Every structure is written in C-alpha cells, then in structure tokens.
Amino acid sequence: MRPLVLLVDNDTDTREMYAEFLRLHGFDVRATGNGREALAAVSSDRPAIVITEMRLPGIDGLSLCRQLRQEAATAALPILVVTADAFAHQVELARQGGADEVLIKPCLPDDLLEAVQRLLGHGASGVRLRTPNLHG
C-alpha cells in the first residue's frame, strides 16, 4: 500500500506541483487548500503524514498543527510545515505548534520528498529547519 500524504496549501500551483511529484515517487496524495478541509481529511482518510503551509484560509497551519497535537489519535502524526514565512519567530511558532520539520519556500520538490521520507521512516524526529541555498 502506498502511504497517504495530506497536502495542505492555499496556492493551487504549489499544491499541484508537490502532489504530482509525490505521486511520481510512490505516494497517494489528498490535497486541499484550507485548514478546515484538512481536519476533516485527517479524520476520514488517516494520512501517514501532513504537509501544510502556515497561511491557510479558515483554520491556519499553526492552528491545524496545534489541533492535531491535542488529539490522541493524531498526536504522533508527522507534520511537515512548508512555508514562505521565513522569519525566525514564525519558524519557532511552527515548531512550538507541533511541526516535526519546517522547510522554507521556495522549497525544491526533492527537498520535500527527502523530508517526507525521513519523517515517515523515523517518525517525529524533532524540528529541522531547511532554508534554500541562495549562494549556489
């Protein structure tokens, strides 16, 4: 069985690009653009991992993380935050809210795949901040 990834991003292009890349690498993907739909999908679909942006309509990514961590059934669910909010305090909020790892956009699909595989292979392994290499 292919692991199910719940991908939550309000940007349609980003969501479609990441979803297709993950499908090509052996994952089933359920994609949504808002936090309310994500919470419903977690309950009904039982994903292996949640990938979320912080800026979401309805329930934002931080609230989504916190709610998932508060429920016994989802407390250990790996959460990967991929966000354009690159300020240190935003990254710290994601960590405190329950993110297992934080990647900063622009995030290459290969980096996303690596993080997903790592989190699924090792469970919640602490927060790891990955920033793009802007110097080549």
C-alpha atoms as a PDB file:
ATOM      1  CA  MET A   1       0.000   0.000   0.000  1.00  0.00           C
ATOM      2  CA  ARG A   2       1.194   3.485  -0.840  1.00  0.00           C
ATOM      3  CA  PRO A   3       1.450   5.915   2.103  1.00  0.00           C
ATOM      4  CA  LEU A   4      -1.153   8.679   2.027  1.00  0.00           C
ATOM      5  CA  VAL A   5       0.107  12.254   2.228  1.00  0.00           C
ATOM      6  CA  LEU A   6      -2.289  15.050   3.148  1.00  0.00           C
ATOM      7  CA  LEU A   7      -1.016  18.162   1.378  1.00  0.00           C
ATOM      8  CA  VAL A   8      -2.488  21.480   2.532  1.00  0.00           C
ATOM      9  CA  ASP A   9      -1.527  24.633   0.642  1.00  0.00           C
ATOM     10  CA  ASN A  10      -3.677  27.566  -0.442  1.00  0.00           C
ATOM     11  CA  ASP A  11      -1.602  28.095  -3.600  1.00  0.00           C
ATOM     12  CA  THR A  12      -3.047  25.862  -6.317  1.00  0.00           C
ATOM     13  CA  ASP A  13       0.132  25.720  -8.408  1.00  0.00           C
ATOM     14  CA  THR A  14       2.315  24.762  -5.450  1.00  0.00           C
ATOM     15  CA  ARG A  15      -0.213  22.203  -4.262  1.00  0.00           C
ATOM     16  CA  GLU A  16      -0.463  20.579  -7.704  1.00  0.00           C
ATOM     17  CA  MET A  17       3.306  20.558  -8.267  1.00  0.00           C
ATOM     18  CA  TYR A  18       4.083  18.926  -4.904  1.00  0.00           C
ATOM     19  CA  ALA A  19       1.188  16.472  -5.231  1.00  0.00           C
ATOM     20  CA  GLU A  20       2.267  15.284  -8.666  1.00  0.00           C
ATOM     21  CA  PHE A  21       5.907  14.964  -7.584  1.00  0.00           C
ATOM     22  CA  LEU A  22       4.927  12.901  -4.535  1.00  0.00           C
ATOM     23  CA  ARG A  23       2.657  10.668  -6.626  1.00  0.00           C
ATOM     24  CA  LEU A  24       5.518  10.029  -9.043  1.00  0.00           C
ATOM     25  CA  HIS A  25       7.590   8.883  -6.055  1.00  0.00           C
ATOM     26  CA  GLY A  26       5.143   6.323  -4.733  1.00  0.00           C
ATOM     27  CA  PHE A  27       2.725   8.240  -2.521  1.00  0.00           C
ATOM     28  CA  ASP A  28      -1.011   8.659  -2.639  1.00  0.00           C
ATOM     29  CA  VAL A  29      -1.887  12.320  -2.117  1.00  0.00           C
ATOM     30  CA  ARG A  30      -5.004  14.043  -0.874  1.00  0.00           C
ATOM     31  CA  ALA A  31      -4.672  17.784  -1.486  1.00  0.00           C
ATOM     32  CA  THR A  32      -6.702  20.636  -0.078  1.00  0.00           C
ATOM     33  CA  GLY A  33      -6.401  24.395   0.105  1.00  0.00           C
ATOM     34  CA  ASN A  34      -7.704  25.106   3.596  1.00  0.00           C
ATOM     35  CA  GLY A  35      -7.358  24.014   7.197  1.00  0.00           C
ATOM     36  CA  ARG A  36     -10.991  23.027   7.787  1.00  0.00           C
ATOM     37  CA  GLU A  37     -10.925  20.548   4.920  1.00  0.00           C
ATOM     38  CA  ALA A  38      -7.578  19.277   6.183  1.00  0.00           C
ATOM     39  CA  LEU A  39      -9.001  18.476   9.628  1.00  0.00           C
ATOM     40  CA  ALA A  40     -11.892  16.596   8.037  1.00  0.00           C
ATOM     41  CA  ALA A  41      -9.481  14.700   5.756  1.00  0.00           C
ATOM     42  CA  VAL A  42      -7.290  13.667   8.692  1.00  0.00           C
ATOM     43  CA  SER A  43     -10.329  12.166  10.403  1.00  0.00           C
ATOM     44  CA  SER A  44     -11.686  10.382   7.356  1.00  0.00           C
ATOM     45  CA  ASP A  45      -8.546   9.419   5.418  1.00  0.00           C
ATOM     46  CA  ARG A  46      -5.972   8.758   8.173  1.00  0.00           C
ATOM     47  CA  PRO A  47      -2.908  10.061   6.286  1.00  0.00           C
ATOM     48  CA  ALA A  48       0.601   8.873   7.117  1.00  0.00           C
ATOM     49  CA  ILE A  49       1.847  12.490   7.161  1.00  0.00           C
ATOM     50  CA  VAL A  50       0.501  16.040   6.898  1.00  0.00           C
ATOM     51  CA  ILE A  51       2.314  18.685   4.873  1.00  0.00           C
ATOM     52  CA  THR A  52       0.944  22.169   5.481  1.00  0.00           C
ATOM     53  CA  GLU A  53       1.556  25.795   4.686  1.00  0.00           C
ATOM     54  CA  MET A  54       1.132  28.230   7.594  1.00  0.00           C
ATOM     55  CA  ARG A  55      -1.067  30.697   5.714  1.00  0.00           C
ATOM     56  CA  LEU A  56      -4.380  28.964   5.108  1.00  0.00           C
ATOM     57  CA  PRO A  57      -7.958  30.193   4.946  1.00  0.00           C
ATOM     58  CA  GLY A  58     -10.315  29.018   7.664  1.00  0.00           C
ATOM     59  CA  ILE A  59      -8.002  27.299  10.097  1.00  0.00           C
ATOM     60  CA  ASP A  60      -4.395  28.419   9.579  1.00  0.00           C
ATOM     61  CA  GLY A  61      -1.480  25.982   9.529  1.00  0.00           C
ATOM     62  CA  LEU A  62      -0.416  26.788  13.083  1.00  0.00           C
ATOM     63  CA  SER A  63      -3.893  26.082  14.434  1.00  0.00           C
ATOM     64  CA  LEU A  64      -4.029  22.913  12.347  1.00  0.00           C
ATOM     65  CA  CYS A  65      -0.771  21.698  13.904  1.00  0.00           C
ATOM     66  CA  ARG A  66      -1.964  22.508  17.412  1.00  0.00           C
ATOM     67  CA  GLN A  67      -5.296  20.755  16.946  1.00  0.00           C
ATOM     68  CA  LEU A  68      -3.629  17.645  15.558  1.00  0.00           C
ATOM     69  CA  ARG A  69      -1.214  17.524  18.508  1.00  0.00           C
ATOM     70  CA  GLN A  70      -4.066  17.848  21.034  1.00  0.00           C
ATOM     71  CA  GLU A  71      -5.972  14.798  19.780  1.00  0.00           C
ATOM     72  CA  ALA A  72      -4.762  11.402  20.977  1.00  0.00           C
ATOM     73  CA  ALA A  73      -5.399   9.816  17.563  1.00  0.00           C
ATOM     74  CA  THR A  74      -3.186  12.347  15.759  1.00  0.00           C
ATOM     75  CA  ALA A  75      -0.691  13.431  18.421  1.00  0.00           C
ATOM     76  CA  ALA A  76       2.123  11.404  16.840  1.00  0.00           C
ATOM     77  CA  LEU A  77       1.165  12.107  13.211  1.00  0.00           C
ATOM     78  CA  PRO A  78       4.220  13.542  11.415  1.00  0.00           C
ATOM     79  CA  ILE A  79       3.686  17.172  10.408  1.00  0.00           C
ATOM     80  CA  LEU A  80       5.878  18.931   7.870  1.00  0.00           C
ATOM     81  CA  VAL A  81       5.413  22.679   7.513  1.00  0.00           C
ATOM     82  CA  VAL A  82       6.448  24.161   4.165  1.00  0.00           C
ATOM     83  CA  THR A  83       6.041  27.896   4.352  1.00  0.00           C
ATOM     84  CA  ALA A  84       7.033  31.222   2.895  1.00  0.00           C
ATOM     85  CA  ASP A  85       7.099  32.639   6.432  1.00  0.00           C
ATOM     86  CA  ALA A  86      10.864  32.621   6.797  1.00  0.00           C
ATOM     87  CA  PHE A  87      11.129  34.875   9.844  1.00  0.00           C
ATOM     88  CA  ALA A  88      12.696  33.169  12.842  1.00  0.00           C
ATOM     89  CA  HIS A  89       9.688  33.852  15.080  1.00  0.00           C
ATOM     90  CA  GLN A  90       7.345  32.242  12.509  1.00  0.00           C
ATOM     91  CA  VAL A  91       9.530  29.154  12.304  1.00  0.00           C
ATOM     92  CA  GLU A  92       9.626  28.989  16.099  1.00  0.00           C
ATOM     93  CA  LEU A  93       5.816  29.258  16.226  1.00  0.00           C
ATOM     94  CA  ALA A  94       5.540  26.325  13.809  1.00  0.00           C
ATOM     95  CA  ARG A  95       7.909  24.309  15.979  1.00  0.00           C
ATOM     96  CA  GLN A  96       6.045  25.147  19.162  1.00  0.00           C
ATOM     97  CA  GLY A  97       2.753  24.375  17.451  1.00  0.00           C
ATOM     98  CA  GLY A  98       3.829  20.829  16.729  1.00  0.00           C
ATOM     99  CA  ALA A  99       5.705  20.794  13.411  1.00  0.00           C
ATOM    100  CA  ASP A 100       8.228  17.987  13.205  1.00  0.00           C
ATOM    101  CA  GLU A 101      10.142  19.792  10.493  1.00  0.00           C
ATOM    102  CA  VAL A 102       9.965  23.180   8.764  1.00  0.00           C
ATOM    103  CA  LEU A 103      11.015  23.852   5.181  1.00  0.00           C
ATOM    104  CA  ILE A 104      11.138  27.380   3.786  1.00  0.00           C
ATOM    105  CA  LYS A 105       9.762  28.215   0.344  1.00  0.00           C
ATOM    106  CA  PRO A 106      10.967  28.214  -2.272  1.00  0.00           C
ATOM    107  CA  CYS A 107      11.396  24.539  -1.497  1.00  0.00           C
ATOM    108  CA  LEU A 108      12.557  22.163  -4.176  1.00  0.00           C
ATOM    109  CA  PRO A 109      10.398  19.061  -4.598  1.00  0.00           C
ATOM    110  CA  ASP A 110      13.459  16.882  -3.932  1.00  0.00           C
ATOM    111  CA  ASP A 111      13.887  18.539  -0.520  1.00  0.00           C
ATOM    112  CA  LEU A 112      10.208  17.976   0.222  1.00  0.00           C
ATOM    113  CA  LEU A 113      10.478  14.310  -0.749  1.00  0.00           C
ATOM    114  CA  GLU A 114      13.574  13.854   1.404  1.00  0.00           C
ATOM    115  CA  ALA A 115      11.812  15.363   4.426  1.00  0.00           C
ATOM    116  CA  VAL A 116       8.701  13.226   3.915  1.00  0.00           C
ATOM    117  CA  GLN A 117      10.762  10.049   3.627  1.00  0.00           C
ATOM    118  CA  ARG A 118      12.778  10.973   6.696  1.00  0.00           C
ATOM    119  CA  LEU A 119       9.699  11.712   8.803  1.00  0.00           C
ATOM    120  CA  LEU A 120       7.915   8.559   7.705  1.00  0.00           C
ATOM    121  CA  GLY A 121      10.987   6.443   8.254  1.00  0.00           C
ATOM    122  CA  HIS A 122      11.831   7.781  11.672  1.00  0.00           C
ATOM    123  CA  GLY A 123       8.598   9.319  12.997  1.00  0.00           C
ATOM    124  CA  ALA A 124       8.743  12.597  14.854  1.00  0.00           C
ATOM    125  CA  SER A 125      12.429  13.404  14.972  1.00  0.00           C
ATOM    126  CA  GLY A 126      12.488  16.958  16.219  1.00  0.00           C
ATOM    127  CA  VAL A 127      12.397  20.152  14.264  1.00  0.00           C
ATOM    128  CA  ARG A 128      14.853  20.675  11.469  1.00  0.00           C
ATOM    129  CA  LEU A 129      14.944  23.978   9.646  1.00  0.00           C
ATOM    130  CA  ARG A 130      15.914  23.817   5.977  1.00  0.00           C
ATOM    131  CA  THR A 131      16.455  27.069   4.155  1.00  0.00           C
ATOM    132  CA  PRO A 132      17.168  27.463   0.467  1.00  0.00           C
ATOM    133  CA  ASN A 133      20.782  27.756  -0.596  1.00  0.00           C
ATOM    134  CA  LEU A 134      20.810  31.248  -2.054  1.00  0.00           C
ATOM    135  CA  HIS A 135      24.527  31.236  -2.760  1.00  0.00           C
ATOM    136  CA  GLY A 136      24.593  28.466  -5.364  1.00  0.00           C
END
